[in-house]
Amino acid sequence: VGEQVLLKCSFKSSSPITESLLVDWTYRPLTGGPMERVFHYQSIPYPTAAGRFKDRISWAGNVANGDASIALQSPELSDNGTFICSVKNPPDV
């Protein structure tokens, strides 16, 4: 609680990395409920502009190295849940 946490995501692709590569991070609270998109990356990072993680998530990855990690600032116990990283690098998924 209170310290920045790195949410790691690594990937491998059989296709060359291009600007078509997409990274989506979603979150589901531990208590259940709907999934919430918390981060999107396509050539540049797009942190969420609304919701519980607004202004607290930043890009920490390097897609050229197979890294799609993000950082969460000031985590709270209420942030506990499942974070899912999805990487698509057309035509490879």
C-alpha atoms as a PDB file:
ATOM      1  CA  VAL A   1       0.000   0.000   0.000  1.00  0.00           C
ATOM      2  CA  GLY A   2       1.270   3.462  -0.873  1.00  0.00           C
ATOM      3  CA  GLU A   3       4.322   2.427  -2.915  1.00  0.00           C
ATOM      4  CA  GLN A   4       4.404   2.199  -6.712  1.00  0.00           C
ATOM      5  CA  VAL A   5       3.872  -1.346  -7.990  1.00  0.00           C
ATOM      6  CA  LEU A   6       4.975  -2.738 -11.345  1.00  0.00           C
ATOM      7  CA  LEU A   7       2.449  -4.983 -13.097  1.00  0.00           C
ATOM      8  CA  LYS A   8       4.615  -7.123 -15.374  1.00  0.00           C
ATOM      9  CA  CYS A   9       3.519  -8.376 -18.767  1.00  0.00           C
ATOM     10  CA  SER A  10       5.853 -10.018 -21.249  1.00  0.00           C
ATOM     11  CA  PHE A  11       5.024 -11.415 -24.659  1.00  0.00           C
ATOM     12  CA  LYS A  12       6.554 -13.138 -27.665  1.00  0.00           C
ATOM     13  CA  SER A  13       5.384 -12.723 -31.251  1.00  0.00           C
ATOM     14  CA  SER A  14       6.172 -14.622 -34.423  1.00  0.00           C
ATOM     15  CA  SER A  15       5.464 -11.417 -36.397  1.00  0.00           C
ATOM     16  CA  PRO A  16       7.631  -8.291 -36.485  1.00  0.00           C
ATOM     17  CA  ILE A  17       6.584  -5.600 -33.988  1.00  0.00           C
ATOM     18  CA  THR A  18       4.790  -2.802 -35.867  1.00  0.00           C
ATOM     19  CA  GLU A  19       2.639   0.206 -34.990  1.00  0.00           C
ATOM     20  CA  SER A  20      -0.362  -2.136 -35.301  1.00  0.00           C
ATOM     21  CA  LEU A  21       0.594  -3.795 -32.002  1.00  0.00           C
ATOM     22  CA  LEU A  22      -2.133  -3.323 -29.368  1.00  0.00           C
ATOM     23  CA  VAL A  23      -1.868  -3.730 -25.613  1.00  0.00           C
ATOM     24  CA  ASP A  24      -4.978  -3.689 -23.429  1.00  0.00           C
ATOM     25  CA  TRP A  25      -4.976  -3.953 -19.645  1.00  0.00           C
ATOM     26  CA  THR A  26      -8.245  -4.736 -17.897  1.00  0.00           C
ATOM     27  CA  TYR A  27      -9.145  -5.084 -14.232  1.00  0.00           C
ATOM     28  CA  ARG A  28     -11.777  -7.020 -12.324  1.00  0.00           C
ATOM     29  CA  PRO A  29     -12.298  -6.260  -8.603  1.00  0.00           C
ATOM     30  CA  LEU A  30     -11.705  -9.095  -6.149  1.00  0.00           C
ATOM     31  CA  THR A  31     -15.371  -8.736  -5.139  1.00  0.00           C
ATOM     32  CA  GLY A  32     -16.450  -9.432  -8.728  1.00  0.00           C
ATOM     33  CA  GLY A  33     -18.341  -7.187 -11.063  1.00  0.00           C
ATOM     34  CA  PRO A  34     -17.680  -5.850 -14.531  1.00  0.00           C
ATOM     35  CA  MET A  35     -14.256  -5.687 -16.165  1.00  0.00           C
ATOM     36  CA  GLU A  36     -12.788  -2.202 -16.398  1.00  0.00           C
ATOM     37  CA  ARG A  37     -10.293  -1.130 -19.054  1.00  0.00           C
ATOM     38  CA  VAL A  38      -7.417   0.573 -17.256  1.00  0.00           C
ATOM     39  CA  PHE A  39      -4.801   1.030 -19.991  1.00  0.00           C
ATOM     40  CA  HIS A  40      -4.448   0.922 -23.779  1.00  0.00           C
ATOM     41  CA  TYR A  41      -1.295   1.135 -25.884  1.00  0.00           C
ATOM     42  CA  GLN A  42      -1.036   1.537 -29.659  1.00  0.00           C
ATOM     43  CA  SER A  43       2.219   3.229 -30.711  1.00  0.00           C
ATOM     44  CA  ILE A  44       1.768   5.556 -27.723  1.00  0.00           C
ATOM     45  CA  PRO A  45       0.318   4.916 -24.230  1.00  0.00           C
ATOM     46  CA  TYR A  46      -3.303   5.802 -23.470  1.00  0.00           C
ATOM     47  CA  PRO A  47      -3.902   5.622 -19.706  1.00  0.00           C
ATOM     48  CA  THR A  48      -7.528   5.572 -18.613  1.00  0.00           C
ATOM     49  CA  ALA A  49      -9.175   8.992 -18.324  1.00  0.00           C
ATOM     50  CA  ALA A  50     -11.856   7.815 -15.874  1.00  0.00           C
ATOM     51  CA  GLY A  51     -12.498   5.316 -13.109  1.00  0.00           C
ATOM     52  CA  ARG A  52     -10.608   4.193 -10.028  1.00  0.00           C
ATOM     53  CA  PHE A  53      -7.177   4.201 -11.733  1.00  0.00           C
ATOM     54  CA  LYS A  54      -7.404   7.647 -13.366  1.00  0.00           C
ATOM     55  CA  ASP A  55      -4.022   9.446 -13.068  1.00  0.00           C
ATOM     56  CA  ARG A  56      -2.470   6.431 -11.286  1.00  0.00           C
ATOM     57  CA  ILE A  57      -1.375   4.130 -14.128  1.00  0.00           C
ATOM     58  CA  SER A  58       1.614   4.763 -16.358  1.00  0.00           C
ATOM     59  CA  TRP A  59       3.377   2.866 -19.135  1.00  0.00           C
ATOM     60  CA  ALA A  60       6.486   0.986 -18.006  1.00  0.00           C
ATOM     61  CA  GLY A  61       6.949  -1.301 -21.001  1.00  0.00           C
ATOM     62  CA  ASN A  62       9.082  -1.504 -24.116  1.00  0.00           C
ATOM     63  CA  VAL A  63       7.302  -3.437 -26.874  1.00  0.00           C
ATOM     64  CA  ALA A  64      10.523  -3.831 -28.873  1.00  0.00           C
ATOM     65  CA  ASN A  65      11.753  -6.004 -25.987  1.00  0.00           C
ATOM     66  CA  GLY A  66       8.459  -7.909 -25.533  1.00  0.00           C
ATOM     67  CA  ASP A  67       7.517  -5.904 -22.441  1.00  0.00           C
ATOM     68  CA  ALA A  68       3.991  -4.509 -21.978  1.00  0.00           C
ATOM     69  CA  SER A  69       4.229  -3.711 -18.255  1.00  0.00           C
ATOM     70  CA  ILE A  70       2.471  -0.846 -16.486  1.00  0.00           C
ATOM     71  CA  ALA A  71       3.045   0.880 -13.151  1.00  0.00           C
ATOM     72  CA  LEU A  72       0.349   1.639 -10.571  1.00  0.00           C
ATOM     73  CA  GLN A  73       0.930   4.638  -8.301  1.00  0.00           C
ATOM     74  CA  SER A  74      -0.362   4.756  -4.717  1.00  0.00           C
ATOM     75  CA  PRO A  75      -2.033   1.326  -4.643  1.00  0.00           C
ATOM     76  CA  GLU A  76      -4.746   0.787  -2.048  1.00  0.00           C
ATOM     77  CA  LEU A  77      -6.170  -2.409  -0.565  1.00  0.00           C
ATOM     78  CA  SER A  78      -9.376  -1.693  -2.497  1.00  0.00           C
ATOM     79  CA  ASP A  79      -7.373  -2.059  -5.756  1.00  0.00           C
ATOM     80  CA  ASN A  80      -6.992  -5.787  -5.063  1.00  0.00           C
ATOM     81  CA  GLY A  81      -8.280  -7.822  -7.980  1.00  0.00           C
ATOM     82  CA  THR A  82      -7.299  -9.423 -11.263  1.00  0.00           C
ATOM     83  CA  PHE A  83      -5.300  -7.436 -13.805  1.00  0.00           C
ATOM     84  CA  ILE A  84      -5.247  -8.924 -17.321  1.00  0.00           C
ATOM     85  CA  CYS A  85      -2.771  -7.968 -20.028  1.00  0.00           C
ATOM     86  CA  SER A  86      -3.764  -8.676 -23.643  1.00  0.00           C
ATOM     87  CA  VAL A  87      -1.289  -8.175 -26.508  1.00  0.00           C
ATOM     88  CA  LYS A  88      -2.202  -8.378 -30.194  1.00  0.00           C
ATOM     89  CA  ASN A  89       0.431  -7.992 -32.919  1.00  0.00           C
ATOM     90  CA  PRO A  90      -1.405  -8.588 -36.204  1.00  0.00           C
ATOM     91  CA  PRO A  91      -1.438 -11.030 -37.791  1.00  0.00           C
ATOM     92  CA  ASP A  92      -0.145 -12.750 -34.632  1.00  0.00           C
ATOM     93  CA  VAL A  93      -2.421 -12.665 -31.558  1.00  0.00           C
END
